Amino acid sequence: MNARDYIGKMVNVEMDRPLGSVHPKHTHIIYGVNYGFIPNTTSGDGEELDAYVLGVNEPLQTFKGECVAVIHRTAENDDKLVVVPQGQSITDEQIRTQTHFQEQYFESEIWR
């Protein structure tokens, strides 16, 4: 399944980097949002499809929400889903602001 196919769908996210956690390799990166993956999927990089969970301001272990966008990294084959509580809307600017802590190091587009 292409990452774009998840837009508008409900997904389950398992957090491997909850809000406030430190990146396992780049210890200067602290997660300002919950970040995880969609179990039993495969992304272009061969790993499970990653997801940012926005709109929830507490560390989570799991989350079920709506995929409202995809951050497509143009120089890599590693898309990131943007997942929010069902029915919540978010602007591209809010996505950029909330994911900047990590996405600032990559060229990307936001797909809707």
PDB file of N, CA and C in Angstrom:
ATOM      1  N   MET A   1       0.852  -1.191   0.000  1.00  0.00           N
ATOM      2  CA  MET A   1       0.000   0.000   0.000  1.00  0.00           C
ATOM      3  C   MET A   1       0.890   1.244   0.000  1.00  0.00           C
ATOM      4  N   ASN A   2       0.596   2.177  -0.856  1.00  0.00           N
ATOM      5  CA  ASN A   2       1.307   3.441  -0.941  1.00  0.00           C
ATOM      6  C   ASN A   2       0.922   4.316   0.257  1.00  0.00           C
ATOM      7  N   ALA A   3       1.862   5.109   0.773  1.00  0.00           N
ATOM      8  CA  ALA A   3       1.574   5.974   1.933  1.00  0.00           C
ATOM      9  C   ALA A   3       0.374   6.878   1.667  1.00  0.00           C
ATOM     10  N   ARG A   4       0.247   7.347   0.447  1.00  0.00           N
ATOM     11  CA  ARG A   4      -0.870   8.241   0.106  1.00  0.00           C
ATOM     12  C   ARG A   4      -2.234   7.568   0.278  1.00  0.00           C
ATOM     13  N   ASP A   5      -2.252   6.232   0.149  1.00  0.00           N
ATOM     14  CA  ASP A   5      -3.501   5.482   0.277  1.00  0.00           C
ATOM     15  C   ASP A   5      -4.067   5.526   1.700  1.00  0.00           C
ATOM     16  N   TYR A   6      -3.249   5.904   2.673  1.00  0.00           N
ATOM     17  CA  TYR A   6      -3.711   5.970   4.066  1.00  0.00           C
ATOM     18  C   TYR A   6      -4.469   7.263   4.383  1.00  0.00           C
ATOM     19  N   ILE A   7      -4.341   8.279   3.539  1.00  0.00           N
ATOM     20  CA  ILE A   7      -5.002   9.561   3.803  1.00  0.00           C
ATOM     21  C   ILE A   7      -6.517   9.354   3.882  1.00  0.00           C
ATOM     22  N   GLY A   8      -7.089   9.849   4.984  1.00  0.00           N
ATOM     23  CA  GLY A   8      -8.518   9.711   5.212  1.00  0.00           C
ATOM     24  C   GLY A   8      -8.911   8.433   5.935  1.00  0.00           C
ATOM     25  N   LYS A   9      -7.951   7.576   6.209  1.00  0.00           N
ATOM     26  CA  LYS A   9      -8.245   6.305   6.869  1.00  0.00           C
ATOM     27  C   LYS A   9      -7.844   6.350   8.349  1.00  0.00           C
ATOM     28  N   MET A  10      -8.522   5.518   9.143  1.00  0.00           N
ATOM     29  CA  MET A  10      -8.157   5.336  10.547  1.00  0.00           C
ATOM     30  C   MET A  10      -6.993   4.344  10.611  1.00  0.00           C
ATOM     31  N   VAL A  11      -5.999   4.661  11.434  1.00  0.00           N
ATOM     32  CA  VAL A  11      -4.826   3.801  11.579  1.00  0.00           C
ATOM     33  C   VAL A  11      -4.480   3.638  13.060  1.00  0.00           C
ATOM     34  N   ASN A  12      -3.834   2.528  13.364  1.00  0.00           N
ATOM     35  CA  ASN A  12      -3.308   2.287  14.706  1.00  0.00           C
ATOM     36  C   ASN A  12      -1.809   2.537  14.677  1.00  0.00           C
ATOM     37  N   VAL A  13      -1.344   3.373  15.605  1.00  0.00           N
ATOM     38  CA  VAL A  13       0.075   3.724  15.684  1.00  0.00           C
ATOM     39  C   VAL A  13       0.644   3.170  16.983  1.00  0.00           C
ATOM     40  N   GLU A  14       1.776   2.489  16.878  1.00  0.00           N
ATOM     41  CA  GLU A  14       2.521   2.053  18.059  1.00  0.00           C
ATOM     42  C   GLU A  14       3.708   2.998  18.208  1.00  0.00           C
ATOM     43  N   MET A  15       3.831   3.619  19.391  1.00  0.00           N
ATOM     44  CA  MET A  15       4.880   4.597  19.611  1.00  0.00           C
ATOM     45  C   MET A  15       6.188   3.917  19.992  1.00  0.00           C
ATOM     46  N   ASP A  16       7.246   4.226  19.245  1.00  0.00           N
ATOM     47  CA  ASP A  16       8.576   3.817  19.677  1.00  0.00           C
ATOM     48  C   ASP A  16       9.365   5.030  20.155  1.00  0.00           C
ATOM     49  N   ARG A  17       8.821   6.221  19.902  1.00  0.00           N
ATOM     50  CA  ARG A  17       9.425   7.460  20.395  1.00  0.00           C
ATOM     51  C   ARG A  17       8.309   8.378  20.884  1.00  0.00           C
ATOM     52  N   PRO A  18       7.855   8.176  22.102  1.00  0.00           N
ATOM     53  CA  PRO A  18       6.767   9.013  22.632  1.00  0.00           C
ATOM     54  C   PRO A  18       7.224  10.451  22.889  1.00  0.00           C
ATOM     55  N   LEU A  19       6.265  11.324  23.011  1.00  0.00           N
ATOM     56  CA  LEU A  19       6.503  12.727  23.317  1.00  0.00           C
ATOM     57  C   LEU A  19       7.520  12.850  24.442  1.00  0.00           C
ATOM     58  N   GLY A  20       8.567  13.671  24.217  1.00  0.00           N
ATOM     59  CA  GLY A  20       9.590  13.912  25.232  1.00  0.00           C
ATOM     60  C   GLY A  20      10.769  12.967  25.186  1.00  0.00           C
ATOM     61  N   SER A  21      10.705  11.918  24.347  1.00  0.00           N
ATOM     62  CA  SER A  21      11.816  10.969  24.276  1.00  0.00           C
ATOM     63  C   SER A  21      12.952  11.526  23.423  1.00  0.00           C
ATOM     64  N   VAL A  22      14.117  10.904  23.555  1.00  0.00           N
ATOM     65  CA  VAL A  22      15.324  11.325  22.841  1.00  0.00           C
ATOM     66  C   VAL A  22      15.577  10.355  21.688  1.00  0.00           C
ATOM     67  N   HIS A  23      15.970  10.900  20.535  1.00  0.00           N
ATOM     68  CA  HIS A  23      16.283  10.069  19.368  1.00  0.00           C
ATOM     69  C   HIS A  23      17.386   9.076  19.750  1.00  0.00           C
ATOM     70  N   PRO A  24      17.250   7.807  19.344  1.00  0.00           N
ATOM     71  CA  PRO A  24      18.233   6.796  19.754  1.00  0.00           C
ATOM     72  C   PRO A  24      19.646   7.010  19.200  1.00  0.00           C
ATOM     73  N   LYS A  25      19.784   7.659  18.048  1.00  0.00           N
ATOM     74  CA  LYS A  25      21.109   7.880  17.455  1.00  0.00           C
ATOM     75  C   LYS A  25      21.558   9.335  17.549  1.00  0.00           C
ATOM     76  N   HIS A  26      20.621  10.251  17.378  1.00  0.00           N
ATOM     77  CA  HIS A  26      20.930  11.684  17.364  1.00  0.00           C
ATOM     78  C   HIS A  26      20.375  12.292  18.644  1.00  0.00           C
ATOM     79  N   THR A  27      21.163  12.239  19.703  1.00  0.00           N
ATOM     80  CA  THR A  27      20.674  12.588  21.038  1.00  0.00           C
ATOM     81  C   THR A  27      20.336  14.063  21.218  1.00  0.00           C
ATOM     82  N   HIS A  28      20.645  14.890  20.235  1.00  0.00           N
ATOM     83  CA  HIS A  28      20.238  16.299  20.306  1.00  0.00           C
ATOM     84  C   HIS A  28      18.781  16.490  19.867  1.00  0.00           C
ATOM     85  N   ILE A  29      18.171  15.443  19.321  1.00  0.00           N
ATOM     86  CA  ILE A  29      16.775  15.528  18.878  1.00  0.00           C
ATOM     87  C   ILE A  29      15.869  14.986  19.983  1.00  0.00           C
ATOM     88  N   ILE A  30      15.003  15.852  20.497  1.00  0.00           N
ATOM     89  CA  ILE A  30      14.007  15.461  21.485  1.00  0.00           C
ATOM     90  C   ILE A  30      12.640  15.550  20.820  1.00  0.00           C
ATOM     91  N   TYR A  31      11.856  14.505  20.944  1.00  0.00           N
ATOM     92  CA  TYR A  31      10.569  14.429  20.258  1.00  0.00           C
ATOM     93  C   TYR A  31       9.532  15.338  20.922  1.00  0.00           C
ATOM     94  N   GLY A  32       9.089  16.332  20.163  1.00  0.00           N
ATOM     95  CA  GLY A  32       8.075  17.265  20.623  1.00  0.00           C
ATOM     96  C   GLY A  32       6.666  16.772  20.376  1.00  0.00           C
ATOM     97  N   VAL A  33       6.556  15.622  19.729  1.00  0.00           N
ATOM     98  CA  VAL A  33       5.266  14.966  19.465  1.00  0.00           C
ATOM     99  C   VAL A  33       5.480  13.465  19.596  1.00  0.00           C
ATOM    100  N   ASN A  34       4.402  12.721  19.652  1.00  0.00           N
ATOM    101  CA  ASN A  34       4.490  11.264  19.640  1.00  0.00           C
ATOM    102  C   ASN A  34       4.835  10.800  18.232  1.00  0.00           C
ATOM    103  N   TYR A  35       5.722   9.806  18.138  1.00  0.00           N
ATOM    104  CA  TYR A  35       6.197   9.315  16.858  1.00  0.00           C
ATOM    105  C   TYR A  35       6.262   7.798  16.932  1.00  0.00           C
ATOM    106  N   GLY A  36       5.726   7.152  15.938  1.00  0.00           N
ATOM    107  CA  GLY A  36       5.728   5.697  15.958  1.00  0.00           C
ATOM    108  C   GLY A  36       5.599   5.118  14.568  1.00  0.00           C
ATOM    109  N   PHE A  37       4.970   3.957  14.508  1.00  0.00           N
ATOM    110  CA  PHE A  37       4.868   3.237  13.240  1.00  0.00           C
ATOM    111  C   PHE A  37       3.534   2.507  13.160  1.00  0.00           C
ATOM    112  N   ILE A  38       3.179   2.147  11.938  1.00  0.00           N
ATOM    113  CA  ILE A  38       1.964   1.386  11.675  1.00  0.00           C
ATOM    114  C   ILE A  38       2.379  -0.092  11.593  1.00  0.00           C
ATOM    115  N   PRO A  39       1.955  -0.910  12.558  1.00  0.00           N
ATOM    116  CA  PRO A  39       2.367  -2.318  12.551  1.00  0.00           C
ATOM    117  C   PRO A  39       1.963  -3.038  11.259  1.00  0.00           C
ATOM    118  N   ASN A  40       2.784  -3.988  10.874  1.00  0.00           N
ATOM    119  CA  ASN A  40       2.521  -4.864   9.717  1.00  0.00           C
ATOM    120  C   ASN A  40       2.425  -4.118   8.400  1.00  0.00           C
ATOM    121  N   THR A  41       3.227  -3.053   8.266  1.00  0.00           N
ATOM    122  CA  THR A  41       3.325  -2.323   7.003  1.00  0.00           C
ATOM    123  C   THR A  41       4.787  -2.312   6.579  1.00  0.00           C
ATOM    124  N   THR A  42       5.035  -1.923   5.355  1.00  0.00           N
ATOM    125  CA  THR A  42       6.409  -1.756   4.887  1.00  0.00           C
ATOM    126  C   THR A  42       6.491  -0.447   4.117  1.00  0.00           C
ATOM    127  N   SER A  43       7.426   0.387   4.530  1.00  0.00           N
ATOM    128  CA  SER A  43       7.663   1.671   3.876  1.00  0.00           C
ATOM    129  C   SER A  43       8.713   1.475   2.788  1.00  0.00           C
ATOM    130  N   GLY A  44       8.968   2.528   2.046  1.00  0.00           N
ATOM    131  CA  GLY A  44       9.956   2.480   0.972  1.00  0.00           C
ATOM    132  C   GLY A  44      11.358   2.172   1.450  1.00  0.00           C
ATOM    133  N   ASP A  45      11.640   2.444   2.737  1.00  0.00           N
ATOM    134  CA  ASP A  45      12.979   2.170   3.271  1.00  0.00           C
ATOM    135  C   ASP A  45      13.103   0.741   3.824  1.00  0.00           C
ATOM    136  N   GLY A  46      12.038  -0.062   3.662  1.00  0.00           N
ATOM    137  CA  GLY A  46      12.063  -1.434   4.130  1.00  0.00           C
ATOM    138  C   GLY A  46      11.617  -1.615   5.573  1.00  0.00           C
ATOM    139  N   GLU A  47      11.451  -0.525   6.288  1.00  0.00           N
ATOM    140  CA  GLU A  47      10.983  -0.555   7.673  1.00  0.00           C
ATOM    141  C   GLU A  47       9.465  -0.356   7.688  1.00  0.00           C
ATOM    142  N   GLU A  48       8.869  -0.465   8.882  1.00  0.00           N
ATOM    143  CA  GLU A  48       7.433  -0.200   8.976  1.00  0.00           C
ATOM    144  C   GLU A  48       7.174   1.292   8.739  1.00  0.00           C
ATOM    145  N   LEU A  49       6.005   1.613   8.227  1.00  0.00           N
ATOM    146  CA  LEU A  49       5.632   2.981   7.884  1.00  0.00           C
ATOM    147  C   LEU A  49       5.546   3.827   9.152  1.00  0.00           C
ATOM    148  N   ASP A  50       6.279   4.940   9.178  1.00  0.00           N
ATOM    149  CA  ASP A  50       6.332   5.828  10.344  1.00  0.00           C
ATOM    150  C   ASP A  50       5.176   6.805  10.364  1.00  0.00           C
ATOM    151  N   ALA A  51       4.871   7.307  11.567  1.00  0.00           N
ATOM    152  CA  ALA A  51       3.771   8.256  11.710  1.00  0.00           C
ATOM    153  C   ALA A  51       4.049   9.241  12.838  1.00  0.00           C
ATOM    154  N   TYR A  52       3.736  10.496  12.568  1.00  0.00           N
ATOM    155  CA  TYR A  52       3.683  11.527  13.605  1.00  0.00           C
ATOM    156  C   TYR A  52       2.252  11.575  14.116  1.00  0.00           C
ATOM    157  N   VAL A  53       2.070  11.582  15.438  1.00  0.00           N
ATOM    158  CA  VAL A  53       0.747  11.759  16.030  1.00  0.00           C
ATOM    159  C   VAL A  53       0.698  13.188  16.551  1.00  0.00           C
ATOM    160  N   LEU A  54      -0.144  14.013  15.939  1.00  0.00           N
ATOM    161  CA  LEU A  54      -0.267  15.419  16.313  1.00  0.00           C
ATOM    162  C   LEU A  54      -1.619  15.645  16.974  1.00  0.00           C
ATOM    163  N   GLY A  55      -1.688  16.675  17.809  1.00  0.00           N
ATOM    164  CA  GLY A  55      -2.956  17.001  18.457  1.00  0.00           C
ATOM    165  C   GLY A  55      -3.175  16.296  19.785  1.00  0.00           C
ATOM    166  N   VAL A  56      -2.155  15.584  20.274  1.00  0.00           N
ATOM    167  CA  VAL A  56      -2.225  14.932  21.584  1.00  0.00           C
ATOM    168  C   VAL A  56      -0.971  15.362  22.350  1.00  0.00           C
ATOM    169  N   ASN A  57      -1.154  15.972  23.512  1.00  0.00           N
ATOM    170  CA  ASN A  57      -0.025  16.562  24.219  1.00  0.00           C
ATOM    171  C   ASN A  57       0.410  15.785  25.450  1.00  0.00           C
ATOM    172  N   GLU A  58       0.364  14.462  25.367  1.00  0.00           N
ATOM    173  CA  GLU A  58       0.866  13.610  26.437  1.00  0.00           C
ATOM    174  C   GLU A  58       1.528  12.397  25.789  1.00  0.00           C
ATOM    175  N   PRO A  59       2.542  11.824  26.430  1.00  0.00           N
ATOM    176  CA  PRO A  59       3.197  10.644  25.861  1.00  0.00           C
ATOM    177  C   PRO A  59       2.211   9.484  25.741  1.00  0.00           C
ATOM    178  N   LEU A  60       2.281   8.787  24.623  1.00  0.00           N
ATOM    179  CA  LEU A  60       1.379   7.669  24.349  1.00  0.00           C
ATOM    180  C   LEU A  60       2.168   6.401  24.071  1.00  0.00           C
ATOM    181  N   GLN A  61       1.524   5.257  24.286  1.00  0.00           N
ATOM    182  CA  GLN A  61       2.094   3.975  23.863  1.00  0.00           C
ATOM    183  C   GLN A  61       1.480   3.538  22.543  1.00  0.00           C
ATOM    184  N   THR A  62       0.175   3.751  22.409  1.00  0.00           N
ATOM    185  CA  THR A  62      -0.541   3.438  21.173  1.00  0.00           C
ATOM    186  C   THR A  62      -1.562   4.538  20.926  1.00  0.00           C
ATOM    187  N   PHE A  63      -2.020   4.624  19.693  1.00  0.00           N
ATOM    188  CA  PHE A  63      -3.005   5.650  19.355  1.00  0.00           C
ATOM    189  C   PHE A  63      -3.754   5.210  18.107  1.00  0.00           C
ATOM    190  N   LYS A  64      -5.063   5.392  18.122  1.00  0.00           N
ATOM    191  CA  LYS A  64      -5.875   5.170  16.924  1.00  0.00           C
ATOM    192  C   LYS A  64      -6.388   6.530  16.481  1.00  0.00           C
ATOM    193  N   GLY A  65      -6.058   6.907  15.254  1.00  0.00           N
ATOM    194  CA  GLY A  65      -6.475   8.201  14.746  1.00  0.00           C
ATOM    195  C   GLY A  65      -6.581   8.203  13.241  1.00  0.00           C
ATOM    196  N   GLU A  66      -6.851   9.379  12.714  1.00  0.00           N
ATOM    197  CA  GLU A  66      -7.069   9.548  11.275  1.00  0.00           C
ATOM    198  C   GLU A  66      -5.818  10.099  10.601  1.00  0.00           C
ATOM    199  N   CYS A  67      -5.408   9.457   9.532  1.00  0.00           N
ATOM    200  CA  CYS A  67      -4.295   9.964   8.726  1.00  0.00           C
ATOM    201  C   CYS A  67      -4.826  11.106   7.861  1.00  0.00           C
ATOM    202  N   VAL A  68      -4.315  12.318   8.081  1.00  0.00           N
ATOM    203  CA  VAL A  68      -4.811  13.479   7.343  1.00  0.00           C
ATOM    204  C   VAL A  68      -3.819  13.987   6.300  1.00  0.00           C
ATOM    205  N   ALA A  69      -2.577  13.489   6.343  1.00  0.00           N
ATOM    206  CA  ALA A  69      -1.564  13.950   5.398  1.00  0.00           C
ATOM    207  C   ALA A  69      -0.385  12.985   5.419  1.00  0.00           C
ATOM    208  N   VAL A  70       0.506  13.175   4.446  1.00  0.00           N
ATOM    209  CA  VAL A  70       1.768  12.432   4.383  1.00  0.00           C
ATOM    210  C   VAL A  70       2.879  13.450   4.187  1.00  0.00           C
ATOM    211  N   ILE A  71       3.933  13.316   4.970  1.00  0.00           N
ATOM    212  CA  ILE A  71       5.148  14.093   4.719  1.00  0.00           C
ATOM    213  C   ILE A  71       6.016  13.227   3.817  1.00  0.00           C
ATOM    214  N   HIS A  72       6.182  13.670   2.587  1.00  0.00           N
ATOM    215  CA  HIS A  72       6.954  12.931   1.591  1.00  0.00           C
ATOM    216  C   HIS A  72       8.350  13.538   1.515  1.00  0.00           C
ATOM    217  N   ARG A  73       9.330  12.794   1.969  1.00  0.00           N
ATOM    218  CA  ARG A  73      10.725  13.244   1.889  1.00  0.00           C
ATOM    219  C   ARG A  73      11.210  13.033   0.459  1.00  0.00           C
ATOM    220  N   THR A  74      11.503  14.132  -0.219  1.00  0.00           N
ATOM    221  CA  THR A  74      11.765  14.079  -1.658  1.00  0.00           C
ATOM    222  C   THR A  74      13.087  13.418  -2.024  1.00  0.00           C
ATOM    223  N   ALA A  75      14.078  13.425  -1.144  1.00  0.00           N
ATOM    224  CA  ALA A  75      15.375  12.837  -1.467  1.00  0.00           C
ATOM    225  C   ALA A  75      15.529  11.424  -0.898  1.00  0.00           C
ATOM    226  N   GLU A  76      14.495  10.926  -0.217  1.00  0.00           N
ATOM    227  CA  GLU A  76      14.542   9.595   0.386  1.00  0.00           C
ATOM    228  C   GLU A  76      13.244   8.873   0.074  1.00  0.00           C
ATOM    229  N   ASN A  77      13.267   7.578   0.211  1.00  0.00           N
ATOM    230  CA  ASN A  77      12.053   6.796   0.022  1.00  0.00           C
ATOM    231  C   ASN A  77      11.513   6.452   1.406  1.00  0.00           C
ATOM    232  N   ASP A  78      11.105   7.486   2.152  1.00  0.00           N
ATOM    233  CA  ASP A  78      10.736   7.306   3.553  1.00  0.00           C
ATOM    234  C   ASP A  78       9.641   8.296   3.936  1.00  0.00           C
ATOM    235  N   ASP A  79       8.401   7.976   3.569  1.00  0.00           N
ATOM    236  CA  ASP A  79       7.276   8.855   3.869  1.00  0.00           C
ATOM    237  C   ASP A  79       6.847   8.708   5.329  1.00  0.00           C
ATOM    238  N   LYS A  80       6.255   9.771   5.877  1.00  0.00           N
ATOM    239  CA  LYS A  80       5.759   9.796   7.253  1.00  0.00           C
ATOM    240  C   LYS A  80       4.280  10.160   7.234  1.00  0.00           C
ATOM    241  N   LEU A  81       3.440   9.340   7.865  1.00  0.00           N
ATOM    242  CA  LEU A  81       2.027   9.682   7.980  1.00  0.00           C
ATOM    243  C   LEU A  81       1.850  10.759   9.043  1.00  0.00           C
ATOM    244  N   VAL A  82       0.837  11.588   8.880  1.00  0.00           N
ATOM    245  CA  VAL A  82       0.434  12.567   9.891  1.00  0.00           C
ATOM    246  C   VAL A  82      -0.931  12.118  10.392  1.00  0.00           C
ATOM    247  N   VAL A  83      -0.991  11.762  11.681  1.00  0.00           N
ATOM    248  CA  VAL A  83      -2.186  11.183  12.278  1.00  0.00           C
ATOM    249  C   VAL A  83      -2.678  12.093  13.390  1.00  0.00           C
ATOM    250  N   VAL A  84      -3.986  12.352  13.410  1.00  0.00           N
ATOM    251  CA  VAL A  84      -4.599  13.223  14.425  1.00  0.00           C
ATOM    252  C   VAL A  84      -5.844  12.534  14.984  1.00  0.00           C
ATOM    253  N   PRO A  85      -6.355  13.027  16.127  1.00  0.00           N
ATOM    254  CA  PRO A  85      -7.628  12.489  16.611  1.00  0.00           C
ATOM    255  C   PRO A  85      -8.705  12.637  15.537  1.00  0.00           C
ATOM    256  N   GLN A  86      -9.571  11.640  15.422  1.00  0.00           N
ATOM    257  CA  GLN A  86     -10.602  11.640  14.385  1.00  0.00           C
ATOM    258  C   GLN A  86     -11.412  12.927  14.441  1.00  0.00           C
ATOM    259  N   GLY A  87     -11.604  13.530  13.266  1.00  0.00           N
ATOM    260  CA  GLY A  87     -12.400  14.747  13.150  1.00  0.00           C
ATOM    261  C   GLY A  87     -11.620  16.034  13.378  1.00  0.00           C
ATOM    262  N   GLN A  88     -10.382  15.928  13.811  1.00  0.00           N
ATOM    263  CA  GLN A  88      -9.570  17.134  14.048  1.00  0.00           C
ATOM    264  C   GLN A  88      -8.904  17.556  12.739  1.00  0.00           C
ATOM    265  N   SER A  89      -8.854  18.857  12.507  1.00  0.00           N
ATOM    266  CA  SER A  89      -8.175  19.345  11.304  1.00  0.00           C
ATOM    267  C   SER A  89      -6.862  20.005  11.700  1.00  0.00           C
ATOM    268  N   ILE A  90      -5.946  20.065  10.747  1.00  0.00           N
ATOM    269  CA  ILE A  90      -4.638  20.658  10.980  1.00  0.00           C
ATOM    270  C   ILE A  90      -4.146  21.246   9.671  1.00  0.00           C
ATOM    271  N   THR A  91      -3.505  22.394   9.732  1.00  0.00           N
ATOM    272  CA  THR A  91      -3.007  23.052   8.523  1.00  0.00           C
ATOM    273  C   THR A  91      -1.613  22.534   8.181  1.00  0.00           C
ATOM    274  N   ASP A  92      -1.202  22.764   6.937  1.00  0.00           N
ATOM    275  CA  ASP A  92       0.157  22.403   6.540  1.00  0.00           C
ATOM    276  C   ASP A  92       1.170  23.149   7.413  1.00  0.00           C
ATOM    277  N   GLU A  93       0.904  24.409   7.730  1.00  0.00           N
ATOM    278  CA  GLU A  93       1.814  25.197   8.559  1.00  0.00           C
ATOM    279  C   GLU A  93       1.944  24.573   9.962  1.00  0.00           C
ATOM    280  N   GLN A  94       0.835  24.115  10.530  1.00  0.00           N
ATOM    281  CA  GLN A  94       0.890  23.464  11.843  1.00  0.00           C
ATOM    282  C   GLN A  94       1.683  22.158  11.772  1.00  0.00           C
ATOM    283  N   ILE A  95       1.517  21.414  10.690  1.00  0.00           N
ATOM    284  CA  ILE A  95       2.295  20.179  10.508  1.00  0.00           C
ATOM    285  C   ILE A  95       3.776  20.519  10.453  1.00  0.00           C
ATOM    286  N   ARG A  96       4.139  21.502   9.646  1.00  0.00           N
ATOM    287  CA  ARG A  96       5.551  21.906   9.509  1.00  0.00           C
ATOM    288  C   ARG A  96       6.129  22.349  10.861  1.00  0.00           C
ATOM    289  N   THR A  97       5.373  23.158  11.602  1.00  0.00           N
ATOM    290  CA  THR A  97       5.845  23.669  12.890  1.00  0.00           C
ATOM    291  C   THR A  97       6.062  22.530  13.882  1.00  0.00           C
ATOM    292  N   GLN A  98       5.100  21.624  13.976  1.00  0.00           N
ATOM    293  CA  GLN A  98       5.168  20.564  14.983  1.00  0.00           C
ATOM    294  C   GLN A  98       6.175  19.462  14.660  1.00  0.00           C
ATOM    295  N   THR A  99       6.521  19.297  13.387  1.00  0.00           N
ATOM    296  CA  THR A  99       7.480  18.255  13.007  1.00  0.00           C
ATOM    297  C   THR A  99       8.864  18.825  12.675  1.00  0.00           C
ATOM    298  N   HIS A 100       9.032  20.121  12.822  1.00  0.00           N
ATOM    299  CA  HIS A 100      10.286  20.798  12.462  1.00  0.00           C
ATOM    300  C   HIS A 100      11.496  20.225  13.204  1.00  0.00           C
ATOM    301  N   PHE A 101      11.316  19.815  14.455  1.00  0.00           N
ATOM    302  CA  PHE A 101      12.429  19.301  15.258  1.00  0.00           C
ATOM    303  C   PHE A 101      13.183  18.184  14.535  1.00  0.00           C
ATOM    304  N   GLN A 102      12.490  17.432  13.701  1.00  0.00           N
ATOM    305  CA  GLN A 102      13.132  16.354  12.947  1.00  0.00           C
ATOM    306  C   GLN A 102      13.141  16.616  11.446  1.00  0.00           C
ATOM    307  N   GLU A 103      12.065  17.159  10.903  1.00  0.00           N
ATOM    308  CA  GLU A 103      11.954  17.329   9.448  1.00  0.00           C
ATOM    309  C   GLU A 103      12.832  18.461   8.906  1.00  0.00           C
ATOM    310  N   GLN A 104      13.367  19.305   9.796  1.00  0.00           N
ATOM    311  CA  GLN A 104      14.245  20.385   9.333  1.00  0.00           C
ATOM    312  C   GLN A 104      15.482  19.853   8.608  1.00  0.00           C
ATOM    313  N   TYR A 105      15.823  18.604   8.813  1.00  0.00           N
ATOM    314  CA  TYR A 105      17.009  18.013   8.209  1.00  0.00           C
ATOM    315  C   TYR A 105      16.737  17.377   6.849  1.00  0.00           C
ATOM    316  N   PHE A 106      15.485  17.460   6.375  1.00  0.00           N
ATOM    317  CA  PHE A 106      15.086  16.799   5.133  1.00  0.00           C
ATOM    318  C   PHE A 106      14.286  17.749   4.255  1.00  0.00           C
ATOM    319  N   GLU A 107      14.407  17.571   2.933  1.00  0.00           N
ATOM    320  CA  GLU A 107      13.545  18.253   1.979  1.00  0.00           C
ATOM    321  C   GLU A 107      12.262  17.427   1.887  1.00  0.00           C
ATOM    322  N   SER A 108      11.113  18.099   1.954  1.00  0.00           N
ATOM    323  CA  SER A 108       9.868  17.330   1.914  1.00  0.00           C
ATOM    324  C   SER A 108       8.712  18.142   1.337  1.00  0.00           C
ATOM    325  N   GLU A 109       7.658  17.404   1.009  1.00  0.00           N
ATOM    326  CA  GLU A 109       6.380  17.982   0.577  1.00  0.00           C
ATOM    327  C   GLU A 109       5.295  17.398   1.469  1.00  0.00           C
ATOM    328  N   ILE A 110       4.219  18.130   1.629  1.00  0.00           N
ATOM    329  CA  ILE A 110       3.078  17.589   2.358  1.00  0.00           C
ATOM    330  C   ILE A 110       2.013  17.209   1.342  1.00  0.00           C
ATOM    331  N   TRP A 111       1.640  15.944   1.381  1.00  0.00           N
ATOM    332  CA  TRP A 111       0.586  15.435   0.500  1.00  0.00           C
ATOM    333  C   TRP A 111      -0.709  15.367   1.277  1.00  0.00           C
ATOM    334  N   ARG A 112      -1.805  15.761   0.611  1.00  0.00           N
ATOM    335  CA  ARG A 112      -3.143  15.674   1.203  1.00  0.00           C
ATOM    336  C   ARG A 112      -4.022  14.776   0.366  1.00  0.00           C
TER     337      ARG A 112
END
